[in-house]
Every structure is written in structure tokens, then in C-alpha cells.
């Protein structure tokens, strides 16, 4: 049995607690609002805005570092997240549920992004360097398990509850109350199991002026890096097609055949998108990491660009053929997500590559902010584009947008040996 405060007792649950709220806020919300009759254009705008806290996260990370301990921030964030999801559950039956739930989701998004800042710092303080390397795969695995649980199992639960209650509103209330209960249980569990590293102390290392000066130097040195313009274009536009497809794809699966969709119920979407799709994503990501470790990022960049772009054509096929066979639909989603997982590896490795030098951790965080911005802005306009073009023409538009991915990938420079084992 693992000893008290063993990393095996808290790392799996801690990163599950990181993945669950993120996907509940950014993924389940799309399906819930579609199920509750909100238009595609409104869903795209409002739920894309929920990425704002992750986009501006680097702005308040220095204050999380400076005030209190990372352990306290981690625990406090978890219990507040439980309250935020309870608020979502309580306001879903209200007449103005859209605005009430969006407010609760936005509050949860700020707390969840703060939780991510705290737990990543806690991970470094609580583990020696060799254990950090050993558990890196474990933490990623349980983050992905949280993805399957939230986007798959919880959506299927909502479908079962809707069939039982005969009421979508009650079904989603119980689903988000379940998320609140899980976050509360994780909070009480982590009170007992999270260690208290000696280095995780109340930090009063300087004045606010010193904090701002240091933050200013981080920002200045980031934008003084060689090749900053091509890098920013790459970070913002590499996923320009996927940012639109990811927001509209789920809605296409849910929409009625008369509206040009496939007419799947929540249970089918939860299984196809949240289980089959995520399995493809994980396999693609693992394969991408193995390939880059053998030949390097530069060697695999163009195969990965192709992999993240061309499989999007399965949505063009589905919008034209409108298949009813779940095996066919599941296969299409698996292929698209497999390619996305493989291709996205190049993006994440490039962020690490570009962060090299002074302040690598802070510069990587800034790059993730641009990554979120690159998903948020195209996602916000995707609903209006789809409503104007219809599903079939929208997915053709997405395929045309893949040219942007190829263009920005041609602009960046990468050392031949980077990423090679």
C-alpha cells in the first residue's frame, strides 16, 4: 500500500480535479445549451468567451505565486469550484438560465485557471526532479480520464436522466450537481492526502513594485525573442480551422436532420465524442510524442500539419451523406481526433521550443495564453458563419481554412535536433 502522502495518493486525483472543471465549462456547456434550445451563433460566442480566464491567466499568476501557499490555493480553488457548479445546477431551471449559468461558468473558469496555476507549482515543490519526470505521464493520463468522464460519461448520464425525468432542465441540474459533489469530495480527500512541502511557504519575497518589475521583464524578453512575429502567427492561427470545427462539430451531431445535422441524442454524442473521439486523441498524441522523440520536431512538422488538417474532411462527408450508422459516424470522429492528437503534438512541442532561454516557465505560460486566444476568437465567429452558410458549406469553409495552418507552419524556424531523444 502507498504510504501516507505518497504521490500515488494525490497526483491522479489532483489532475482529475484539474481536467473535470475545464471540460465541464468548455465542452459540456456547448451540449447543454444546444439541448436547452440556444442558437448555434449564441453558443459559439458565449461559450468561447469562457476561455478568457485561461487566456489572461499569466496576468495574475505572479500574485498566486506571491500570496499564501500553493497547497492552500489548490484546496481553496476546489471547494469554490464545487460552489460554482452547484450554482450552475441551481440556476438551470430559472427563466433567465442562460445569463445565470454563464455567470456561474465564468466564475468557475477564473477559479479553474487559478487552480491550474497553483497545482502546477505545487507539483514542482512536492516532488523531486526524478519523480516529476516519472509522474508526468501519470498526471497526463488522469487529466485525459477526466476528459472522458466529463465529455463522455457525464453527457451520457444527462441523457439517461432526461429520459427518466422527461425534462432536460432537471437532467442537466442533476448532472452539474454531480460535478459539484465530486469537486467537494476531492477537496475533502486532498485535505488529508496533499503533502506539506517545506518549500511551499507564505512568500513575502518583495513589494508589489518588484513583482510588477519582474513581470514587466518577463513580458519584454518574451516579445524580444528572435522570430517573435512568425511565432505569434503560428500560435494564434495554427488551429484556426480546428477552433471553428471544435465548436460547431458537436452542434452538428446534435442538430436535427431537417436542420442539416445528424440528429444524435446526448447519450450517443457522449459516447462518440467523449469516449471514441478521446481515445483517438490519446492514441494520436502518444504516437506523435514517440515519432518526435525519434526524428525531432522539424522532421515531423509537415506530416503533423497534414494530420491535423486533412482529416477535417470527414465532416464534409458527414454533412453531405448524413449517415445514420453510428459505426460510420464514430469512425469519422475517431479518424479526425486521431489526426488532431497527432498533429497537435507539433504545436505543444513548438511552445516548449519557443520558451527556451530566460524565464522558460513564464514564457511557456504566455504562449498558452496565445493558444487560448487562438481558440477563442475563431470559435466566437464560427456560429454566425455556420448559420449563414449551413453545415455543408461551413465544413467546406473549414477545409479552406486549413491553408492558414500550412502558411503559418512554413514561417517558423526549428532546430533540426529539437525533440529528438
Protein backbone atom coordinates (compact mmCIF):
# COMPACT_ATOMS: atom_id res chain seq x y z
CA UNK A 1 0.00 0.00 0.00
CA UNK A 2 1.27 3.52 -0.74
CA UNK A 3 2.42 5.34 2.37
CA UNK A 4 0.70 8.44 3.70
CA UNK A 5 1.15 11.44 1.37
CA UNK A 6 2.61 9.18 -1.32
CA UNK A 7 2.42 10.87 -4.72
CA UNK A 8 0.29 7.94 -5.91
CA UNK A 9 -2.42 9.06 -3.46
CA UNK A 10 -2.78 12.62 -4.73
CA UNK A 11 -1.35 13.10 -8.25
CA UNK A 12 -4.05 11.05 -10.06
CA UNK A 13 -6.91 12.75 -8.20
CA UNK A 14 -5.32 16.21 -8.38
CA UNK A 15 -5.07 16.16 -12.16
CA UNK A 16 -8.51 14.62 -12.46
CA UNK A 17 -9.66 17.64 -10.43
CA UNK A 18 -7.92 19.85 -13.00
CA UNK A 19 -9.44 18.25 -16.09
CA UNK A 20 -13.03 17.84 -14.82
CA UNK A 21 -13.93 21.54 -14.36
CA UNK A 22 -12.13 22.64 -17.53
CA UNK A 23 -14.09 20.28 -19.75
CA UNK A 24 -17.33 20.80 -17.86
CA UNK A 25 -17.04 24.53 -18.55
CA UNK A 26 -15.67 24.48 -22.10
CA UNK A 27 -17.23 21.32 -23.54
CA UNK A 28 -20.32 20.15 -21.64
CA UNK A 29 -21.69 23.71 -21.69
CA UNK A 30 -21.92 23.59 -25.52
CA UNK A 31 -24.05 20.45 -25.40
CA UNK A 32 -26.22 21.69 -22.53
CA UNK A 33 -27.05 24.99 -24.22
CA UNK A 34 -27.82 23.26 -27.52
CA UNK A 35 -30.09 20.85 -25.65
CA UNK A 36 -31.82 23.80 -23.98
CA UNK A 37 -32.63 25.47 -27.31
CA UNK A 38 -29.93 28.14 -27.59
CA UNK A 39 -28.88 29.02 -31.17
CA UNK A 40 -25.53 27.96 -32.63
CA UNK A 41 -24.40 31.58 -33.03
CA UNK A 42 -25.10 32.40 -29.37
CA UNK A 43 -23.50 29.17 -28.13
CA UNK A 44 -20.34 29.86 -30.15
CA UNK A 45 -19.99 33.41 -28.84
CA UNK A 46 -20.85 32.84 -25.19
CA UNK A 47 -19.01 29.57 -24.60
CA UNK A 48 -15.92 30.78 -26.48
CA UNK A 49 -15.81 33.73 -24.08
CA UNK A 50 -15.45 31.23 -21.24
CA UNK A 51 -11.85 30.74 -22.46
CA UNK A 52 -10.96 34.30 -21.39
CA UNK A 53 -9.69 33.29 -17.91
CA UNK A 54 -7.22 30.80 -19.43
CA UNK A 55 -6.18 33.43 -21.97
CA UNK A 56 -5.31 36.06 -19.35
CA UNK A 57 -4.08 33.58 -16.74
CA UNK A 58 -0.46 34.80 -16.86
CA UNK A 59 -1.60 38.23 -15.67
CA UNK A 60 -2.45 37.07 -12.15
CA UNK A 61 -0.16 34.06 -11.82
CA UNK A 62 2.56 36.21 -10.11
CA UNK A 63 0.09 37.08 -7.35
CA UNK A 64 -0.83 33.43 -6.84
CA UNK A 65 2.89 32.80 -6.51
CA UNK A 66 3.31 35.66 -4.03
CA UNK A 67 0.27 35.28 -1.73
CA UNK A 68 -0.18 32.30 0.63
CA UNK A 69 0.90 28.76 -0.33
CA UNK A 70 0.22 26.70 -3.43
CA UNK A 71 -1.38 23.99 -1.28
CA UNK A 72 -3.91 26.46 0.15
CA UNK A 73 -4.66 27.91 -3.29
CA UNK A 74 -5.22 24.40 -4.68
CA UNK A 75 -7.63 23.38 -1.92
CA UNK A 76 -9.49 26.68 -1.86
CA UNK A 77 -9.98 26.55 -5.63
CA UNK A 78 -11.52 23.08 -5.44
CA UNK A 79 -14.17 23.95 -2.87
CA UNK A 80 -15.05 27.20 -4.69
CA UNK A 81 -15.39 25.20 -7.92
CA UNK A 82 -17.84 22.93 -6.12
CA UNK A 83 -19.87 26.03 -5.21
CA UNK A 84 -19.73 27.34 -8.80
CA UNK A 85 -21.08 24.08 -10.25
CA UNK A 86 -23.76 23.98 -7.55
CA UNK A 87 -24.75 27.48 -8.69
CA UNK A 88 -24.97 26.25 -12.29
CA UNK A 89 -27.21 23.38 -11.16
CA UNK A 90 -29.43 25.72 -9.13
CA UNK A 91 -29.92 28.26 -11.94
CA UNK A 92 -30.56 25.92 -14.90
CA UNK A 93 -34.34 25.73 -14.15
CA UNK A 94 -34.59 29.56 -13.96
CA UNK A 95 -36.31 31.58 -16.68
CA UNK A 96 -33.12 33.55 -17.40
CA UNK A 97 -30.95 30.44 -17.07
CA UNK A 98 -28.60 31.47 -19.89
CA UNK A 99 -27.25 34.55 -18.09
CA UNK A 100 -27.23 32.99 -14.63
CA UNK A 101 -25.40 29.86 -15.78
CA UNK A 102 -22.94 31.86 -17.90
CA UNK A 103 -22.07 33.95 -14.83
CA UNK A 104 -21.50 30.79 -12.78
CA UNK A 105 -19.47 29.21 -15.57
CA UNK A 106 -17.31 32.34 -15.93
CA UNK A 107 -16.66 32.43 -12.18
CA UNK A 108 -15.76 28.75 -12.34
CA UNK A 109 -13.45 29.40 -15.29
CA UNK A 110 -11.45 32.00 -13.34
CA UNK A 111 -11.21 29.68 -10.34
CA UNK A 112 -10.26 26.69 -12.52
CA UNK A 113 -7.47 28.61 -14.24
CA UNK A 114 -6.20 29.72 -10.82
CA UNK A 115 -6.34 26.09 -9.69
CA UNK A 116 -4.13 25.16 -12.66
CA UNK A 117 -1.55 27.79 -11.70
CA UNK A 118 -1.44 26.56 -8.12
CA UNK A 119 -1.33 22.83 -8.76
CA UNK A 120 1.43 23.04 -11.37
CA UNK A 121 3.56 24.95 -8.87
CA UNK A 122 2.63 22.53 -6.11
CA UNK A 123 3.66 19.59 -8.33
CA UNK A 124 7.14 21.06 -8.69
CA UNK A 125 7.54 21.82 -4.97
CA UNK A 126 6.17 18.50 -3.69
CA UNK A 127 8.26 16.20 -5.91
CA UNK A 128 11.93 15.73 -6.60
CA UNK A 129 13.02 16.19 -10.21
CA UNK A 130 13.19 12.46 -10.94
CA UNK A 131 9.66 11.97 -9.55
CA UNK A 132 8.40 14.92 -11.59
CA UNK A 133 9.58 13.12 -14.71
CA UNK A 134 8.19 9.77 -13.56
CA UNK A 135 4.72 11.13 -12.79
CA UNK A 136 4.42 13.38 -15.85
CA UNK A 137 2.75 10.58 -17.80
CA UNK A 138 0.53 9.66 -14.85
CA UNK A 139 -0.80 13.18 -14.45
CA UNK A 140 -1.50 13.49 -18.19
CA UNK A 141 -3.31 10.15 -18.15
CA UNK A 142 -5.65 11.17 -15.34
CA UNK A 143 -6.28 14.53 -16.97
CA UNK A 144 -7.41 12.59 -20.04
CA UNK A 145 -9.53 10.30 -17.86
CA UNK A 146 -11.26 13.43 -16.60
CA UNK A 147 -11.86 14.39 -20.24
CA UNK A 148 -13.55 11.05 -20.96
CA UNK A 149 -15.54 11.27 -17.73
CA UNK A 150 -16.79 14.81 -18.33
CA UNK A 151 -17.33 14.85 -22.11
CA UNK A 152 -18.42 11.22 -22.27
CA UNK A 153 -19.84 9.66 -19.13
CA UNK A 154 -21.45 12.81 -17.70
CA UNK A 155 -23.13 13.64 -21.02
CA UNK A 156 -24.47 10.08 -21.21
CA UNK A 157 -25.69 10.49 -17.62
CA UNK A 158 -27.56 13.66 -18.63
CA UNK A 159 -29.23 11.71 -21.43
CA UNK A 160 -30.31 8.92 -19.07
CA UNK A 161 -31.68 11.44 -16.59
CA UNK A 162 -33.58 13.28 -19.32
CA UNK A 163 -35.25 10.02 -20.37
CA UNK A 164 -36.12 9.28 -16.75
CA UNK A 165 -37.37 12.75 -15.77
CA UNK A 166 -38.77 13.70 -19.16
CA UNK A 167 -37.19 17.10 -18.58
CA UNK A 168 -33.84 18.34 -19.94
CA UNK A 169 -33.62 21.09 -17.35
CA UNK A 170 -33.82 18.71 -14.40
CA UNK A 171 -31.41 16.30 -16.06
CA UNK A 172 -28.73 18.95 -16.50
CA UNK A 173 -29.26 20.27 -12.98
CA UNK A 174 -28.59 16.84 -11.51
CA UNK A 175 -25.57 16.40 -13.81
CA UNK A 176 -23.93 19.63 -12.66
CA UNK A 177 -24.86 18.90 -9.05
CA UNK A 178 -22.95 15.64 -9.51
CA UNK A 179 -19.90 17.60 -10.69
CA UNK A 180 -20.22 19.88 -7.65
CA UNK A 181 -20.36 16.86 -5.33
CA UNK A 182 -17.28 15.31 -6.97
CA UNK A 183 -15.28 18.53 -6.57
CA UNK A 184 -16.35 18.78 -2.91
CA UNK A 185 -15.31 15.17 -2.27
CA UNK A 186 -11.95 15.80 -3.95
CA UNK A 187 -11.46 18.84 -1.72
CA UNK A 188 -12.01 16.84 1.48
CA UNK A 189 -9.88 13.99 0.16
CA UNK A 190 -6.99 16.32 -0.70
CA UNK A 191 -7.08 17.95 2.73
CA UNK A 192 -5.94 14.58 4.05
CA UNK A 193 -3.62 13.44 1.27
CA UNK A 194 -1.80 16.52 -0.08
CA UNK A 195 1.66 16.77 1.46
CA UNK A 196 3.05 19.94 3.01
CA UNK A 197 6.35 20.61 1.23
CA UNK A 198 8.83 22.63 3.28
CA UNK A 199 9.41 24.93 0.33
CA UNK A 200 5.69 25.72 -0.01
CA UNK A 201 5.56 28.61 2.43
CA UNK A 202 3.91 32.01 2.63
CA UNK A 203 6.05 34.01 0.26
CA UNK A 204 6.73 37.63 1.09
CA UNK A 205 9.63 37.96 -1.26
CA UNK A 206 9.18 41.56 -2.27
CA UNK A 207 6.95 44.53 -2.82
CA UNK A 208 4.29 44.86 -5.47
CA UNK A 209 6.72 47.08 -7.38
CA UNK A 210 9.23 44.25 -7.52
CA UNK A 211 6.51 41.85 -8.70
CA UNK A 212 5.46 44.24 -11.46
CA UNK A 213 9.08 44.91 -12.46
CA UNK A 214 9.77 41.20 -12.73
CA UNK A 215 6.56 40.65 -14.68
CA UNK A 216 7.47 43.52 -16.99
CA UNK A 217 10.85 41.92 -17.69
CA UNK A 218 9.13 38.59 -18.45
CA UNK A 219 6.84 40.27 -20.98
CA UNK A 220 9.64 42.35 -22.54
CA UNK A 221 12.01 39.41 -23.00
CA UNK A 222 9.20 37.30 -24.49
CA UNK A 223 8.46 39.83 -27.21
CA UNK A 224 12.17 40.37 -27.84
CA UNK A 225 12.71 36.72 -28.78
CA UNK A 226 14.04 36.12 -32.31
CA UNK A 227 11.26 35.21 -34.73
CA UNK A 228 8.50 36.56 -32.48
CA UNK A 229 6.17 37.58 -35.34
CA UNK A 230 6.16 34.16 -37.09
CA UNK A 231 5.84 32.51 -33.66
CA UNK A 232 2.79 34.58 -32.71
CA UNK A 233 1.15 33.91 -36.08
CA UNK A 234 1.79 30.20 -35.56
CA UNK A 235 0.42 30.21 -32.01
CA UNK A 236 -2.69 32.16 -32.99
CA UNK A 237 -3.53 30.57 -36.34
CA UNK A 238 -2.22 27.00 -36.39
CA UNK A 239 -5.58 25.79 -35.03
CA UNK A 240 -7.71 28.33 -36.91
CA UNK A 241 -9.72 25.57 -38.66
CA UNK A 242 -9.96 23.39 -35.54
CA UNK A 243 -11.12 26.31 -33.39
CA UNK A 244 -14.19 26.60 -35.61
CA UNK A 245 -14.71 22.89 -36.13
CA UNK A 246 -14.42 22.03 -32.45
CA UNK A 247 -17.15 24.49 -31.52
CA UNK A 248 -19.61 23.55 -34.30
CA UNK A 249 -18.87 19.82 -34.68
CA UNK A 250 -20.80 18.79 -31.53
CA UNK A 251 -23.73 21.00 -32.51
CA UNK A 252 -23.81 19.38 -35.97
CA UNK A 253 -24.05 15.95 -34.39
CA UNK A 254 -26.96 17.11 -32.18
CA UNK A 255 -28.95 19.18 -34.69
CA UNK A 256 -31.95 17.62 -36.43
CA UNK A 257 -31.68 16.13 -39.90
CA UNK A 258 -34.12 18.80 -41.11
CA UNK A 259 -31.61 21.44 -39.94
CA UNK A 260 -28.74 19.63 -41.70
CA UNK A 261 -27.43 17.78 -38.64
CA UNK A 262 -27.23 14.11 -37.73
CA UNK A 263 -29.90 14.14 -35.01
CA UNK A 264 -27.96 12.18 -32.38
CA UNK A 265 -29.11 12.21 -28.77
CA UNK A 266 -26.90 13.24 -25.85
CA UNK A 267 -26.02 9.66 -24.97
CA UNK A 268 -24.77 8.91 -28.48
CA UNK A 269 -22.79 12.15 -28.57
CA UNK A 270 -21.28 11.45 -25.17
CA UNK A 271 -20.08 8.04 -26.34
CA UNK A 272 -18.90 9.07 -29.82
CA UNK A 273 -17.33 12.42 -28.94
CA UNK A 274 -16.40 11.85 -25.31
CA UNK A 275 -15.17 8.26 -25.49
CA UNK A 276 -14.37 7.20 -29.07
CA UNK A 277 -13.05 10.65 -30.00
CA UNK A 278 -10.91 10.99 -26.88
CA UNK A 279 -9.41 7.53 -27.42
CA UNK A 280 -8.38 8.62 -30.91
CA UNK A 281 -6.96 11.85 -29.47
CA UNK A 282 -4.89 9.98 -26.87
CA UNK A 283 -3.54 7.45 -29.40
CA UNK A 284 -2.64 10.26 -31.79
CA UNK A 285 -0.88 12.20 -29.05
CA UNK A 286 1.13 9.20 -27.88
CA UNK A 287 2.13 8.36 -31.45
CA UNK A 288 3.15 11.97 -32.05
CA UNK A 289 5.39 12.01 -28.99
CA UNK A 290 7.08 8.76 -29.99
CA UNK A 291 7.69 9.96 -33.54
CA UNK A 292 9.19 13.30 -32.49
CA UNK A 293 11.46 11.60 -29.94
CA UNK A 294 13.00 9.56 -32.76
CA UNK A 295 13.39 12.09 -35.58
CA UNK A 296 12.82 15.50 -34.00
CA UNK A 297 10.11 18.14 -34.38
CA UNK A 298 11.43 19.63 -37.61
CA UNK A 299 11.33 16.25 -39.38
CA UNK A 300 7.73 15.55 -38.33
CA UNK A 301 6.31 19.09 -38.65
CA UNK A 302 4.76 18.69 -42.11
CA UNK A 303 3.32 15.21 -41.56
CA UNK A 304 1.72 16.62 -38.40
CA UNK A 305 0.38 19.67 -40.23
CA UNK A 306 -1.23 17.31 -42.75
CA UNK A 307 -2.57 15.10 -39.95
CA UNK A 308 -4.28 17.96 -38.13
CA UNK A 309 -5.75 19.39 -41.34
CA UNK A 310 -6.87 16.82 -43.89
CA UNK A 311 -8.99 14.54 -41.61
CA UNK A 312 -11.37 17.50 -41.12
CA UNK A 313 -12.84 16.42 -44.45
CA UNK A 314 -14.83 13.70 -42.63
CA UNK A 315 -17.23 16.45 -41.56
CA UNK A 316 -17.73 17.45 -45.20
CA UNK A 317 -18.60 13.83 -45.94
CA UNK A 318 -20.99 13.54 -42.97
CA UNK A 319 -22.75 16.81 -43.81
CA UNK A 320 -23.31 15.57 -47.38
CA UNK A 321 -24.14 11.92 -46.70
CA UNK A 322 -25.93 12.40 -43.33
CA UNK A 323 -25.10 8.84 -42.22
CA UNK A 324 -27.33 7.14 -39.65
CA UNK A 325 -24.98 4.29 -38.80
CA UNK A 326 -23.24 5.06 -35.51
CA UNK A 327 -20.27 2.92 -36.57
CA UNK A 328 -19.69 5.17 -39.58
CA UNK A 329 -20.11 8.35 -37.53
CA UNK A 330 -17.86 7.04 -34.74
CA UNK A 331 -15.19 6.03 -37.27
CA UNK A 332 -15.23 9.52 -38.79
CA UNK A 333 -14.85 11.19 -35.38
CA UNK A 334 -12.10 8.74 -34.40
CA UNK A 335 -10.12 9.48 -37.59
CA UNK A 336 -10.46 13.25 -37.16
CA UNK A 337 -9.43 13.15 -33.49
CA UNK A 338 -6.58 10.73 -34.19
CA UNK A 339 -5.17 13.19 -36.72
CA UNK A 340 -5.75 16.09 -34.37
CA UNK A 341 -3.95 14.37 -31.50
CA UNK A 342 -1.00 13.51 -33.75
CA UNK A 343 -0.79 17.00 -35.26
CA UNK A 344 -1.31 18.90 -32.02
CA UNK A 345 1.90 17.34 -30.69
CA UNK A 346 3.84 19.63 -33.03
CA UNK A 347 2.08 22.66 -31.57
CA UNK A 348 2.78 21.78 -27.94
CA UNK A 349 6.42 20.92 -28.67
CA UNK A 350 6.89 24.21 -30.51
CA UNK A 351 5.63 26.10 -27.44
CA UNK A 352 8.31 24.35 -25.38
CA UNK A 353 10.91 25.12 -28.05
CA UNK A 354 9.98 28.80 -28.20
CA UNK A 355 10.01 29.12 -24.40
CA UNK A 356 13.70 28.20 -24.15
CA UNK A 357 16.02 30.76 -22.59
CA UNK A 358 15.31 33.19 -19.77
CA UNK A 359 12.02 32.57 -17.88
CA UNK A 360 11.10 29.34 -19.72
CA UNK A 361 8.13 28.54 -17.44
CA UNK A 362 6.66 32.04 -17.60
CA UNK A 363 7.23 32.28 -21.36
CA UNK A 364 5.53 28.93 -21.88
CA UNK A 365 2.54 30.25 -19.89
CA UNK A 366 2.36 33.31 -22.17
CA UNK A 367 2.36 31.01 -25.20
CA UNK A 368 -0.54 29.02 -23.72
CA UNK A 369 -2.41 32.33 -23.38
CA UNK A 370 -1.98 32.94 -27.11
CA UNK A 371 -3.06 29.33 -27.67
CA UNK A 372 -6.33 30.00 -25.82
CA UNK A 373 -6.81 33.28 -27.69
CA UNK A 374 -6.33 31.41 -30.97
CA UNK A 375 -9.17 29.08 -29.99
CA UNK A 376 -11.46 31.73 -28.52
CA UNK A 377 -11.64 34.30 -31.34
CA UNK A 378 -12.37 31.92 -34.26
CA UNK A 379 -14.77 29.99 -32.03
CA UNK A 380 -16.75 33.16 -31.33
CA UNK A 381 -17.46 33.80 -35.02
CA UNK A 382 -17.94 30.16 -36.03
CA UNK A 383 -21.62 30.05 -35.07
CA UNK A 384 -22.56 33.04 -37.22
CA UNK A 385 -20.58 31.63 -40.15
CA UNK A 386 -22.33 28.27 -39.83
CA UNK A 387 -25.80 29.81 -39.62
CA UNK A 388 -25.09 31.86 -42.73
CA UNK A 389 -23.53 29.05 -44.77
CA UNK A 390 -25.30 25.93 -43.45
CA UNK A 391 -23.43 22.89 -42.18
CA UNK A 392 -22.22 21.54 -45.53
CA UNK A 393 -20.74 24.82 -46.76
CA UNK A 394 -19.39 25.60 -43.30
CA UNK A 395 -17.32 22.41 -43.25
CA UNK A 396 -16.07 23.18 -46.77
CA UNK A 397 -15.07 26.61 -45.40
CA UNK A 398 -13.17 24.87 -42.58
CA UNK A 399 -11.27 22.82 -45.16
CA UNK A 400 -10.31 26.02 -47.00
CA UNK A 401 -9.10 27.46 -43.69
CA UNK A 402 -6.56 24.65 -43.38
CA UNK A 403 -4.46 26.65 -45.88
CA UNK A 404 -3.82 29.07 -42.99
CA UNK A 405 -2.32 26.22 -40.94
CA UNK A 406 0.07 25.37 -43.77
CA UNK A 407 1.09 29.01 -44.26
CA UNK A 408 1.93 29.78 -40.63
CA UNK A 409 3.76 26.45 -40.30
CA UNK A 410 6.02 27.44 -43.18
CA UNK A 411 7.03 30.63 -41.38
CA UNK A 412 8.57 29.16 -38.22
CA UNK A 413 12.17 28.03 -37.75
CA UNK A 414 13.07 24.96 -35.67
CA UNK A 415 16.46 23.41 -34.83
CA UNK A 416 16.93 20.07 -36.56
CA UNK A 417 17.65 18.16 -33.34
CA UNK A 418 14.96 19.67 -31.11
CA UNK A 419 12.73 16.99 -29.60
CA UNK A 420 14.93 14.11 -30.66
CA UNK A 421 15.78 11.67 -27.88
